[in-house]
Amino acid sequence: MYADQTFNLDSNDASMFAIKNDEAAFEQYFKQHFASLCTWCKHKYEFDTDIAKEVVHTAFIKLWKNRTTLPPEMPVKAFLHRVIINTSLDILRHAKVRERFERFVQQRNESASTTPQESYDSKKLRTDIDTAIAELPEQMRTIFELSRYEGLKYAEIARQLNVSVNTVETQMGRALKKLRNKLAVYLSSGYFILMIINKIIF
């Protein structure tokens, strides 16, 4: 029911100007809209209640931090809506990355026996890869994941993110360099580890 709906952006919604310098007005807006935004986020992205609340909290935090630099005429709900969507998509992309990595490791384990050291290394590597990707700047991380894990071409990514192909190429190059540096400790490891590293960053 909710999955294909767009949250109702009321034309009478408060503008950024209304809460810009009024903490009481911000708090009142939060109390009025937090629950409905959580419900919308939960059903649209099939999150559990706690994750939906965390996403909406993140949106309100960004709203408060950026309230003085956003256009005063911007509807508050429009800003929150955009942040909730972007944050939710990031969560889903990250979940997909983890799922594909775990499937790759499982397939390898089923096709060949692994030593205890390989098993340990695979778990640590999975954590280090997650951390390295999460630490990339937001746009860079999104471009990397769309390319490596969604299989999109640079032109497709550029259209989706409304940036130039040159920007995508530059950000991908920087992302790969950062990941190679962060995961360099594994590059001299055994063949099993190199298989995973190569799949991720080469």
N, C-alpha and C. Protein backbone atom coordinates (compact mmCIF):
# COMPACT_ATOMS: atom_id res chain seq x y z
N MET A 1 0.81 -1.20 0.00
CA MET A 1 0.00 0.00 0.00
C MET A 1 0.85 1.26 0.00
N TYR A 2 1.94 1.24 0.84
CA TYR A 2 2.76 2.42 0.98
C TYR A 2 3.92 2.43 0.00
N ALA A 3 4.29 1.25 -0.52
CA ALA A 3 5.54 1.13 -1.24
C ALA A 3 5.66 2.07 -2.42
N ASP A 4 4.58 2.33 -3.13
CA ASP A 4 4.66 3.16 -4.31
C ASP A 4 4.14 4.58 -4.08
N GLN A 5 3.86 4.88 -2.83
CA GLN A 5 3.36 6.20 -2.54
C GLN A 5 4.49 7.19 -2.34
N THR A 6 4.23 8.45 -2.66
CA THR A 6 5.11 9.53 -2.31
C THR A 6 4.50 10.22 -1.11
N PHE A 7 5.31 10.51 -0.13
CA PHE A 7 4.77 11.15 1.06
C PHE A 7 4.12 12.46 0.69
N ASN A 8 2.98 12.74 1.26
CA ASN A 8 2.20 13.92 0.91
C ASN A 8 2.95 15.20 1.26
N LEU A 9 3.40 15.93 0.23
CA LEU A 9 4.09 17.19 0.44
C LEU A 9 3.07 18.32 0.40
N ASP A 10 2.53 18.62 1.52
CA ASP A 10 1.47 19.61 1.65
C ASP A 10 1.96 20.99 1.24
N SER A 11 1.22 21.65 0.35
CA SER A 11 1.60 22.98 -0.12
C SER A 11 1.59 23.99 1.02
N ASN A 12 0.88 23.68 2.12
CA ASN A 12 0.81 24.57 3.27
C ASN A 12 1.86 24.22 4.32
N ASP A 13 2.76 23.34 3.97
CA ASP A 13 3.78 22.91 4.91
C ASP A 13 4.66 24.10 5.31
N ALA A 14 5.27 24.01 6.50
CA ALA A 14 6.13 25.09 6.98
C ALA A 14 7.33 25.27 6.05
N SER A 15 7.75 26.52 5.90
CA SER A 15 8.94 26.82 5.13
C SER A 15 10.15 26.81 6.04
N MET A 16 11.35 26.75 5.44
CA MET A 16 12.57 26.75 6.22
C MET A 16 12.66 28.02 7.07
N PHE A 17 12.13 29.10 6.55
CA PHE A 17 12.18 30.37 7.27
C PHE A 17 11.46 30.27 8.62
N ALA A 18 10.37 29.49 8.65
CA ALA A 18 9.54 29.41 9.85
C ALA A 18 10.26 28.75 11.03
N ILE A 19 11.23 27.87 10.74
CA ILE A 19 11.92 27.18 11.83
C ILE A 19 13.39 27.58 11.93
N LYS A 20 13.84 28.44 11.03
CA LYS A 20 15.26 28.75 10.90
C LYS A 20 15.88 29.20 12.23
N ASN A 21 15.22 30.10 12.90
CA ASN A 21 15.77 30.64 14.14
C ASN A 21 14.82 30.44 15.33
N ASP A 22 13.99 29.42 15.22
CA ASP A 22 12.98 29.20 16.26
C ASP A 22 13.02 27.74 16.70
N GLU A 23 13.76 27.47 17.75
CA GLU A 23 13.92 26.09 18.22
C GLU A 23 12.59 25.50 18.66
N ALA A 24 11.72 26.32 19.24
CA ALA A 24 10.42 25.83 19.69
C ALA A 24 9.57 25.40 18.50
N ALA A 25 9.64 26.18 17.41
CA ALA A 25 8.88 25.84 16.20
C ALA A 25 9.42 24.55 15.59
N PHE A 26 10.74 24.38 15.62
CA PHE A 26 11.35 23.15 15.12
C PHE A 26 10.88 21.95 15.93
N GLU A 27 10.90 22.07 17.25
CA GLU A 27 10.48 20.98 18.12
C GLU A 27 9.02 20.63 17.90
N GLN A 28 8.19 21.64 17.71
CA GLN A 28 6.77 21.39 17.46
C GLN A 28 6.58 20.67 16.12
N TYR A 29 7.34 21.09 15.11
CA TYR A 29 7.25 20.44 13.80
C TYR A 29 7.68 18.98 13.92
N PHE A 30 8.75 18.74 14.68
CA PHE A 30 9.24 17.38 14.89
C PHE A 30 8.15 16.50 15.50
N LYS A 31 7.51 16.99 16.55
CA LYS A 31 6.47 16.23 17.23
C LYS A 31 5.27 15.95 16.33
N GLN A 32 4.96 16.88 15.45
CA GLN A 32 3.79 16.74 14.58
C GLN A 32 4.02 15.73 13.46
N HIS A 33 5.25 15.65 12.97
CA HIS A 33 5.49 14.88 11.74
C HIS A 33 6.36 13.65 11.90
N PHE A 34 7.01 13.49 13.05
CA PHE A 34 7.95 12.38 13.21
C PHE A 34 7.28 11.02 13.00
N ALA A 35 6.17 10.79 13.65
CA ALA A 35 5.51 9.48 13.58
C ALA A 35 5.06 9.14 12.16
N SER A 36 4.45 10.11 11.46
CA SER A 36 3.96 9.84 10.11
C SER A 36 5.11 9.60 9.14
N LEU A 37 6.23 10.32 9.32
CA LEU A 37 7.40 10.09 8.47
C LEU A 37 8.00 8.71 8.73
N CYS A 38 8.01 8.29 9.99
CA CYS A 38 8.51 6.95 10.32
C CYS A 38 7.65 5.87 9.68
N THR A 39 6.34 6.04 9.74
CA THR A 39 5.43 5.07 9.14
C THR A 39 5.65 4.98 7.63
N TRP A 40 5.78 6.13 7.00
CA TRP A 40 6.01 6.15 5.55
C TRP A 40 7.32 5.46 5.19
N CYS A 41 8.39 5.81 5.91
CA CYS A 41 9.71 5.23 5.65
C CYS A 41 9.69 3.72 5.88
N LYS A 42 9.07 3.29 6.95
CA LYS A 42 9.02 1.87 7.30
C LYS A 42 8.36 1.05 6.21
N HIS A 43 7.23 1.51 5.70
CA HIS A 43 6.49 0.73 4.71
C HIS A 43 7.07 0.86 3.30
N LYS A 44 7.59 2.00 2.98
CA LYS A 44 8.14 2.19 1.63
C LYS A 44 9.39 1.34 1.42
N TYR A 45 10.25 1.27 2.45
CA TYR A 45 11.52 0.55 2.30
C TYR A 45 11.55 -0.78 3.06
N GLU A 46 10.42 -1.15 3.66
CA GLU A 46 10.30 -2.42 4.37
C GLU A 46 11.34 -2.53 5.49
N PHE A 47 11.54 -1.43 6.21
CA PHE A 47 12.44 -1.42 7.36
C PHE A 47 11.67 -1.84 8.61
N ASP A 48 12.42 -2.26 9.62
CA ASP A 48 11.75 -2.45 10.91
C ASP A 48 11.60 -1.07 11.57
N THR A 49 10.85 -1.01 12.64
CA THR A 49 10.53 0.28 13.26
C THR A 49 11.76 1.03 13.71
N ASP A 50 12.72 0.33 14.30
CA ASP A 50 13.92 1.00 14.82
C ASP A 50 14.73 1.65 13.71
N ILE A 51 14.88 0.95 12.58
CA ILE A 51 15.65 1.51 11.48
C ILE A 51 14.93 2.72 10.90
N ALA A 52 13.61 2.62 10.73
CA ALA A 52 12.84 3.75 10.22
C ALA A 52 12.99 4.97 11.13
N LYS A 53 12.92 4.76 12.43
CA LYS A 53 13.09 5.87 13.37
C LYS A 53 14.48 6.48 13.25
N GLU A 54 15.48 5.63 13.10
CA GLU A 54 16.86 6.13 12.97
C GLU A 54 17.01 6.98 11.70
N VAL A 55 16.40 6.53 10.61
CA VAL A 55 16.47 7.27 9.35
C VAL A 55 15.81 8.65 9.50
N VAL A 56 14.63 8.67 10.09
CA VAL A 56 13.91 9.93 10.24
C VAL A 56 14.63 10.85 11.22
N HIS A 57 15.18 10.30 12.28
CA HIS A 57 15.99 11.10 13.20
C HIS A 57 17.17 11.74 12.46
N THR A 58 17.81 10.96 11.61
CA THR A 58 18.92 11.48 10.82
C THR A 58 18.48 12.65 9.96
N ALA A 59 17.30 12.53 9.36
CA ALA A 59 16.78 13.61 8.51
C ALA A 59 16.55 14.88 9.32
N PHE A 60 15.98 14.75 10.50
CA PHE A 60 15.73 15.93 11.33
C PHE A 60 17.04 16.55 11.83
N ILE A 61 18.02 15.73 12.13
CA ILE A 61 19.33 16.25 12.55
C ILE A 61 19.96 17.06 11.42
N LYS A 62 19.90 16.53 10.19
CA LYS A 62 20.45 17.25 9.04
C LYS A 62 19.67 18.53 8.79
N LEU A 63 18.37 18.47 8.99
CA LEU A 63 17.54 19.67 8.83
C LEU A 63 18.01 20.76 9.79
N TRP A 64 18.18 20.42 11.06
CA TRP A 64 18.58 21.41 12.05
C TRP A 64 19.98 21.96 11.76
N LYS A 65 20.90 21.08 11.38
CA LYS A 65 22.27 21.51 11.12
C LYS A 65 22.37 22.41 9.89
N ASN A 66 21.49 22.19 8.91
CA ASN A 66 21.58 22.93 7.65
C ASN A 66 20.53 24.03 7.51
N ARG A 67 19.76 24.26 8.54
CA ARG A 67 18.61 25.17 8.42
C ARG A 67 19.01 26.59 8.03
N THR A 68 20.21 27.03 8.43
CA THR A 68 20.61 28.41 8.14
C THR A 68 21.15 28.58 6.73
N THR A 69 21.50 27.49 6.06
CA THR A 69 22.08 27.60 4.72
C THR A 69 21.10 27.19 3.62
N LEU A 70 19.97 26.60 4.00
CA LEU A 70 18.97 26.19 3.01
C LEU A 70 18.11 27.38 2.61
N PRO A 71 17.55 27.36 1.38
CA PRO A 71 16.68 28.46 0.94
C PRO A 71 15.52 28.65 1.90
N PRO A 72 15.27 29.86 2.36
CA PRO A 72 14.21 30.09 3.35
C PRO A 72 12.82 29.70 2.87
N GLU A 73 12.62 29.71 1.54
CA GLU A 73 11.31 29.36 1.00
C GLU A 73 11.11 27.86 0.82
N MET A 74 12.17 27.08 1.05
CA MET A 74 12.07 25.63 0.84
C MET A 74 11.11 25.00 1.85
N PRO A 75 10.17 24.17 1.38
CA PRO A 75 9.28 23.46 2.32
C PRO A 75 10.09 22.48 3.17
N VAL A 76 9.84 22.48 4.44
CA VAL A 76 10.58 21.61 5.36
C VAL A 76 10.41 20.15 5.00
N LYS A 77 9.17 19.77 4.72
CA LYS A 77 8.89 18.36 4.43
C LYS A 77 9.59 17.87 3.17
N ALA A 78 9.76 18.78 2.20
CA ALA A 78 10.46 18.40 0.98
C ALA A 78 11.92 18.04 1.28
N PHE A 79 12.54 18.83 2.15
CA PHE A 79 13.92 18.54 2.54
C PHE A 79 14.00 17.20 3.29
N LEU A 80 13.11 17.01 4.26
CA LEU A 80 13.10 15.76 5.03
C LEU A 80 12.87 14.55 4.13
N HIS A 81 11.95 14.71 3.21
CA HIS A 81 11.61 13.64 2.27
C HIS A 81 12.84 13.22 1.48
N ARG A 82 13.60 14.20 0.99
CA ARG A 82 14.78 13.91 0.18
C ARG A 82 15.84 13.20 1.00
N VAL A 83 16.08 13.67 2.22
CA VAL A 83 17.10 13.05 3.08
C VAL A 83 16.70 11.62 3.45
N ILE A 84 15.44 11.42 3.75
CA ILE A 84 14.96 10.06 4.10
C ILE A 84 15.17 9.10 2.93
N ILE A 85 14.84 9.54 1.73
CA ILE A 85 15.03 8.69 0.55
C ILE A 85 16.51 8.35 0.36
N ASN A 86 17.38 9.37 0.39
CA ASN A 86 18.81 9.13 0.17
C ASN A 86 19.41 8.23 1.24
N THR A 87 19.04 8.47 2.50
CA THR A 87 19.57 7.66 3.60
C THR A 87 19.08 6.21 3.48
N SER A 88 17.82 6.04 3.14
CA SER A 88 17.25 4.70 3.01
C SER A 88 17.92 3.93 1.87
N LEU A 89 18.15 4.60 0.76
CA LEU A 89 18.81 3.94 -0.38
C LEU A 89 20.24 3.55 -0.03
N ASP A 90 20.92 4.39 0.74
CA ASP A 90 22.26 4.05 1.19
C ASP A 90 22.24 2.78 2.03
N ILE A 91 21.27 2.68 2.93
CA ILE A 91 21.15 1.49 3.79
C ILE A 91 20.90 0.25 2.94
N LEU A 92 20.01 0.37 1.97
CA LEU A 92 19.68 -0.79 1.12
C LEU A 92 20.87 -1.20 0.27
N ARG A 93 21.61 -0.21 -0.25
CA ARG A 93 22.80 -0.53 -1.05
C ARG A 93 23.84 -1.23 -0.20
N HIS A 94 24.02 -0.76 1.02
CA HIS A 94 25.01 -1.36 1.90
C HIS A 94 24.61 -2.80 2.24
N ALA A 95 23.34 -3.01 2.47
CA ALA A 95 22.85 -4.37 2.76
C ALA A 95 23.09 -5.29 1.58
N LYS A 96 22.92 -4.76 0.38
CA LYS A 96 23.13 -5.57 -0.83
C LYS A 96 24.60 -5.92 -1.00
N VAL A 97 25.48 -4.95 -0.69
CA VAL A 97 26.92 -5.19 -0.76
C VAL A 97 27.30 -6.33 0.18
N ARG A 98 26.83 -6.24 1.43
CA ARG A 98 27.14 -7.29 2.41
C ARG A 98 26.59 -8.64 1.97
N GLU A 99 25.40 -8.65 1.44
CA GLU A 99 24.76 -9.90 1.01
C GLU A 99 25.55 -10.56 -0.10
N ARG A 100 25.99 -9.76 -1.08
CA ARG A 100 26.75 -10.33 -2.20
C ARG A 100 28.11 -10.84 -1.75
N PHE A 101 28.75 -10.10 -0.84
CA PHE A 101 30.04 -10.53 -0.33
C PHE A 101 29.90 -11.85 0.41
N GLU A 102 28.90 -11.94 1.29
CA GLU A 102 28.70 -13.17 2.05
C GLU A 102 28.37 -14.35 1.15
N ARG A 103 27.61 -14.09 0.07
CA ARG A 103 27.31 -15.17 -0.87
C ARG A 103 28.57 -15.64 -1.58
N PHE A 104 29.44 -14.68 -1.94
CA PHE A 104 30.70 -15.03 -2.60
C PHE A 104 31.56 -15.91 -1.69
N VAL A 105 31.68 -15.52 -0.41
CA VAL A 105 32.47 -16.29 0.54
C VAL A 105 31.87 -17.67 0.74
N GLN A 106 30.54 -17.74 0.86
CA GLN A 106 29.87 -19.03 1.06
C GLN A 106 30.09 -19.96 -0.13
N GLN A 107 29.99 -19.43 -1.34
CA GLN A 107 30.20 -20.24 -2.54
C GLN A 107 31.62 -20.79 -2.58
N ARG A 108 32.56 -19.95 -2.19
CA ARG A 108 33.95 -20.39 -2.20
C ARG A 108 34.15 -21.48 -1.15
N ASN A 109 33.55 -21.30 0.02
CA ASN A 109 33.70 -22.28 1.09
C ASN A 109 33.07 -23.62 0.72
N GLU A 110 31.99 -23.58 -0.06
CA GLU A 110 31.32 -24.81 -0.48
C GLU A 110 32.09 -25.55 -1.56
N SER A 111 32.86 -24.80 -2.34
CA SER A 111 33.57 -25.41 -3.47
C SER A 111 34.96 -25.91 -3.11
N ALA A 112 35.48 -25.45 -1.97
CA ALA A 112 36.82 -25.90 -1.56
C ALA A 112 36.95 -25.79 -0.05
N SER A 113 37.72 -26.67 0.54
CA SER A 113 37.92 -26.61 1.98
C SER A 113 38.82 -25.43 2.32
N THR A 114 38.57 -24.79 3.46
CA THR A 114 39.37 -23.65 3.89
C THR A 114 40.04 -23.97 5.21
N THR A 115 41.21 -23.40 5.41
CA THR A 115 41.92 -23.57 6.67
C THR A 115 41.31 -22.64 7.71
N PRO A 116 41.54 -22.89 9.00
CA PRO A 116 41.04 -21.98 10.04
C PRO A 116 41.52 -20.55 9.81
N GLN A 117 42.77 -20.40 9.31
CA GLN A 117 43.30 -19.06 9.07
C GLN A 117 42.51 -18.36 7.97
N GLU A 118 42.15 -19.09 6.91
CA GLU A 118 41.36 -18.51 5.83
C GLU A 118 40.00 -18.07 6.33
N SER A 119 39.39 -18.90 7.19
CA SER A 119 38.09 -18.56 7.74
C SER A 119 38.18 -17.29 8.57
N TYR A 120 39.21 -17.19 9.39
CA TYR A 120 39.40 -15.99 10.21
C TYR A 120 39.62 -14.77 9.32
N ASP A 121 40.49 -14.92 8.32
CA ASP A 121 40.81 -13.80 7.45
C ASP A 121 39.57 -13.32 6.70
N SER A 122 38.71 -14.25 6.30
CA SER A 122 37.53 -13.85 5.53
C SER A 122 36.59 -13.00 6.37
N LYS A 123 36.45 -13.35 7.67
CA LYS A 123 35.58 -12.58 8.55
C LYS A 123 36.15 -11.19 8.80
N LYS A 124 37.45 -11.12 9.05
CA LYS A 124 38.10 -9.84 9.30
C LYS A 124 38.08 -8.98 8.05
N LEU A 125 38.33 -9.61 6.91
CA LEU A 125 38.33 -8.87 5.65
C LEU A 125 36.95 -8.30 5.36
N ARG A 126 35.90 -9.08 5.62
CA ARG A 126 34.54 -8.60 5.39
C ARG A 126 34.28 -7.32 6.20
N THR A 127 34.72 -7.33 7.46
CA THR A 127 34.54 -6.16 8.32
C THR A 127 35.36 -4.99 7.80
N ASP A 128 36.60 -5.25 7.40
CA ASP A 128 37.47 -4.17 6.93
C ASP A 128 36.98 -3.58 5.61
N ILE A 129 36.43 -4.42 4.74
CA ILE A 129 35.87 -3.92 3.49
C ILE A 129 34.65 -3.05 3.76
N ASP A 130 33.76 -3.51 4.64
CA ASP A 130 32.59 -2.71 5.02
C ASP A 130 33.01 -1.35 5.55
N THR A 131 34.02 -1.36 6.42
CA THR A 131 34.49 -0.12 7.03
C THR A 131 35.10 0.80 5.99
N ALA A 132 35.94 0.24 5.12
CA ALA A 132 36.61 1.05 4.11
C ALA A 132 35.60 1.71 3.16
N ILE A 133 34.59 0.97 2.75
CA ILE A 133 33.57 1.52 1.86
C ILE A 133 32.74 2.57 2.58
N ALA A 134 32.39 2.29 3.84
CA ALA A 134 31.57 3.23 4.60
C ALA A 134 32.28 4.55 4.84
N GLU A 135 33.62 4.53 4.89
CA GLU A 135 34.39 5.74 5.16
C GLU A 135 34.63 6.59 3.92
N LEU A 136 34.24 6.09 2.75
CA LEU A 136 34.35 6.92 1.54
C LEU A 136 33.39 8.10 1.64
N PRO A 137 33.74 9.26 1.07
CA PRO A 137 32.78 10.36 1.02
C PRO A 137 31.48 9.91 0.36
N GLU A 138 30.37 10.55 0.74
CA GLU A 138 29.04 10.07 0.37
C GLU A 138 28.87 9.86 -1.14
N GLN A 139 29.19 10.87 -1.95
CA GLN A 139 29.01 10.73 -3.39
C GLN A 139 29.94 9.66 -3.96
N MET A 140 31.16 9.64 -3.48
CA MET A 140 32.14 8.65 -3.94
C MET A 140 31.67 7.24 -3.62
N ARG A 141 31.15 7.03 -2.40
CA ARG A 141 30.66 5.71 -1.99
C ARG A 141 29.48 5.28 -2.86
N THR A 142 28.58 6.21 -3.12
CA THR A 142 27.41 5.88 -3.94
C THR A 142 27.83 5.47 -5.34
N ILE A 143 28.74 6.23 -5.94
CA ILE A 143 29.22 5.92 -7.29
C ILE A 143 29.92 4.57 -7.31
N PHE A 144 30.76 4.31 -6.32
CA PHE A 144 31.46 3.03 -6.25
C PHE A 144 30.49 1.86 -6.17
N GLU A 145 29.50 1.97 -5.30
CA GLU A 145 28.56 0.86 -5.10
C GLU A 145 27.67 0.66 -6.32
N LEU A 146 27.27 1.75 -6.96
CA LEU A 146 26.46 1.61 -8.18
C LEU A 146 27.26 0.93 -9.30
N SER A 147 28.55 1.21 -9.35
CA SER A 147 29.39 0.61 -10.39
C SER A 147 29.74 -0.84 -10.07
N ARG A 148 30.29 -1.07 -8.86
CA ARG A 148 30.79 -2.40 -8.52
C ARG A 148 29.69 -3.40 -8.15
N TYR A 149 28.63 -2.92 -7.50
CA TYR A 149 27.65 -3.86 -6.97
C TYR A 149 26.31 -3.83 -7.69
N GLU A 150 26.02 -2.71 -8.37
CA GLU A 150 24.80 -2.67 -9.17
C GLU A 150 25.10 -2.94 -10.64
N GLY A 151 26.38 -2.87 -11.02
CA GLY A 151 26.79 -3.15 -12.38
C GLY A 151 26.42 -2.08 -13.39
N LEU A 152 26.21 -0.85 -12.91
CA LEU A 152 25.83 0.24 -13.82
C LEU A 152 27.05 0.79 -14.53
N LYS A 153 26.85 1.21 -15.77
CA LYS A 153 27.92 1.87 -16.52
C LYS A 153 28.03 3.32 -16.05
N TYR A 154 29.19 3.93 -16.36
CA TYR A 154 29.42 5.29 -15.89
C TYR A 154 28.35 6.26 -16.39
N ALA A 155 27.92 6.10 -17.63
CA ALA A 155 26.90 7.00 -18.19
C ALA A 155 25.57 6.83 -17.44
N GLU A 156 25.25 5.59 -17.06
CA GLU A 156 24.01 5.34 -16.31
C GLU A 156 24.08 5.97 -14.92
N ILE A 157 25.25 5.84 -14.30
CA ILE A 157 25.42 6.44 -12.97
C ILE A 157 25.31 7.96 -13.06
N ALA A 158 25.93 8.53 -14.09
CA ALA A 158 25.89 9.98 -14.27
C ALA A 158 24.46 10.48 -14.42
N ARG A 159 23.65 9.75 -15.19
CA ARG A 159 22.25 10.15 -15.37
C ARG A 159 21.48 10.02 -14.06
N GLN A 160 21.70 8.94 -13.34
CA GLN A 160 20.96 8.69 -12.10
C GLN A 160 21.28 9.73 -11.03
N LEU A 161 22.55 10.16 -10.97
CA LEU A 161 22.97 11.10 -9.93
C LEU A 161 22.99 12.54 -10.41
N ASN A 162 22.68 12.73 -11.70
CA ASN A 162 22.67 14.07 -12.28
C ASN A 162 24.03 14.75 -12.18
N VAL A 163 25.06 13.99 -12.55
CA VAL A 163 26.43 14.53 -12.60
C VAL A 163 27.03 14.17 -13.95
N SER A 164 28.20 14.70 -14.24
CA SER A 164 28.85 14.40 -15.52
C SER A 164 29.54 13.04 -15.47
N VAL A 165 29.75 12.45 -16.64
CA VAL A 165 30.48 11.18 -16.72
C VAL A 165 31.90 11.36 -16.20
N ASN A 166 32.49 12.53 -16.47
CA ASN A 166 33.83 12.82 -15.99
C ASN A 166 33.89 12.79 -14.46
N THR A 167 32.83 13.30 -13.82
CA THR A 167 32.77 13.27 -12.36
C THR A 167 32.74 11.83 -11.86
N VAL A 168 31.95 11.00 -12.53
CA VAL A 168 31.86 9.58 -12.14
C VAL A 168 33.22 8.91 -12.28
N GLU A 169 33.90 9.14 -13.40
CA GLU A 169 35.21 8.53 -13.63
C GLU A 169 36.22 8.97 -12.57
N THR A 170 36.21 10.27 -12.27
CA THR A 170 37.14 10.80 -11.27
C THR A 170 36.87 10.23 -9.89
N GLN A 171 35.60 10.19 -9.51
CA GLN A 171 35.24 9.67 -8.19
C GLN A 171 35.54 8.18 -8.06
N MET A 172 35.32 7.43 -9.12
CA MET A 172 35.64 6.00 -9.10
C MET A 172 37.13 5.79 -8.94
N GLY A 173 37.93 6.56 -9.68
CA GLY A 173 39.38 6.44 -9.58
C GLY A 173 39.86 6.71 -8.17
N ARG A 174 39.31 7.75 -7.56
CA ARG A 174 39.70 8.09 -6.20
C ARG A 174 39.24 7.04 -5.20
N ALA A 175 38.03 6.51 -5.42
CA ALA A 175 37.50 5.47 -4.53
C ALA A 175 38.40 4.23 -4.55
N LEU A 176 38.77 3.79 -5.75
CA LEU A 176 39.61 2.60 -5.88
C LEU A 176 40.96 2.81 -5.23
N LYS A 177 41.52 4.01 -5.39
CA LYS A 177 42.81 4.31 -4.78
C LYS A 177 42.71 4.26 -3.25
N LYS A 178 41.65 4.85 -2.71
CA LYS A 178 41.45 4.85 -1.26
C LYS A 178 41.28 3.43 -0.73
N LEU A 179 40.50 2.62 -1.45
CA LEU A 179 40.25 1.25 -0.99
C LEU A 179 41.51 0.40 -1.07
N ARG A 180 42.30 0.59 -2.13
CA ARG A 180 43.56 -0.16 -2.22
C ARG A 180 44.49 0.19 -1.06
N ASN A 181 44.52 1.48 -0.73
CA ASN A 181 45.38 1.91 0.39
C ASN A 181 44.90 1.32 1.71
N LYS A 182 43.60 1.35 1.95
CA LYS A 182 43.05 0.86 3.21
C LYS A 182 43.17 -0.65 3.34
N LEU A 183 43.11 -1.35 2.19
CA LEU A 183 43.14 -2.82 2.23
C LEU A 183 44.50 -3.37 1.82
N ALA A 184 45.51 -2.50 1.78
CA ALA A 184 46.83 -2.90 1.30
C ALA A 184 47.43 -4.03 2.10
N VAL A 185 47.08 -4.11 3.38
CA VAL A 185 47.64 -5.14 4.24
C VAL A 185 47.30 -6.54 3.75
N TYR A 186 46.19 -6.66 3.00
CA TYR A 186 45.76 -7.98 2.52
C TYR A 186 46.39 -8.37 1.19
N LEU A 187 46.99 -7.41 0.50
CA LEU A 187 47.44 -7.68 -0.87
C LEU A 187 48.58 -8.68 -0.94
N SER A 188 49.26 -8.89 0.16
CA SER A 188 50.33 -9.89 0.18
C SER A 188 49.86 -11.19 0.83
N SER A 189 48.55 -11.27 1.11
CA SER A 189 48.01 -12.47 1.75
C SER A 189 47.83 -13.59 0.74
N GLY A 190 47.27 -14.69 1.21
CA GLY A 190 47.10 -15.87 0.36
C GLY A 190 46.11 -15.68 -0.77
N TYR A 191 46.04 -16.69 -1.61
CA TYR A 191 45.22 -16.64 -2.83
C TYR A 191 43.74 -16.40 -2.50
N PHE A 192 43.24 -17.01 -1.45
CA PHE A 192 41.83 -16.86 -1.09
C PHE A 192 41.48 -15.39 -0.82
N ILE A 193 42.36 -14.71 -0.05
CA ILE A 193 42.13 -13.30 0.25
C ILE A 193 42.24 -12.46 -1.02
N LEU A 194 43.23 -12.76 -1.84
CA LEU A 194 43.41 -11.99 -3.08
C LEU A 194 42.21 -12.12 -4.01
N MET A 195 41.58 -13.28 -4.02
CA MET A 195 40.39 -13.47 -4.85
C MET A 195 39.32 -12.45 -4.48
N ILE A 196 39.10 -12.26 -3.18
CA ILE A 196 38.06 -11.34 -2.71
C ILE A 196 38.47 -9.90 -2.98
N ILE A 197 39.74 -9.56 -2.67
CA ILE A 197 40.23 -8.20 -2.91
C ILE A 197 40.06 -7.83 -4.39
N ASN A 198 40.47 -8.74 -5.26
CA ASN A 198 40.37 -8.46 -6.69
C ASN A 198 38.93 -8.23 -7.12
N LYS A 199 38.01 -8.99 -6.53
CA LYS A 199 36.59 -8.87 -6.88
C LYS A 199 36.05 -7.50 -6.45
N ILE A 200 36.58 -6.96 -5.35
CA ILE A 200 36.07 -5.72 -4.80
C ILE A 200 36.67 -4.49 -5.47
N ILE A 201 38.01 -4.44 -5.61
CA ILE A 201 38.65 -3.17 -5.97
C ILE A 201 39.41 -3.18 -7.28
N PHE A 202 39.39 -4.25 -8.05
CA PHE A 202 40.08 -4.23 -9.33
C PHE A 202 39.11 -4.48 -10.48
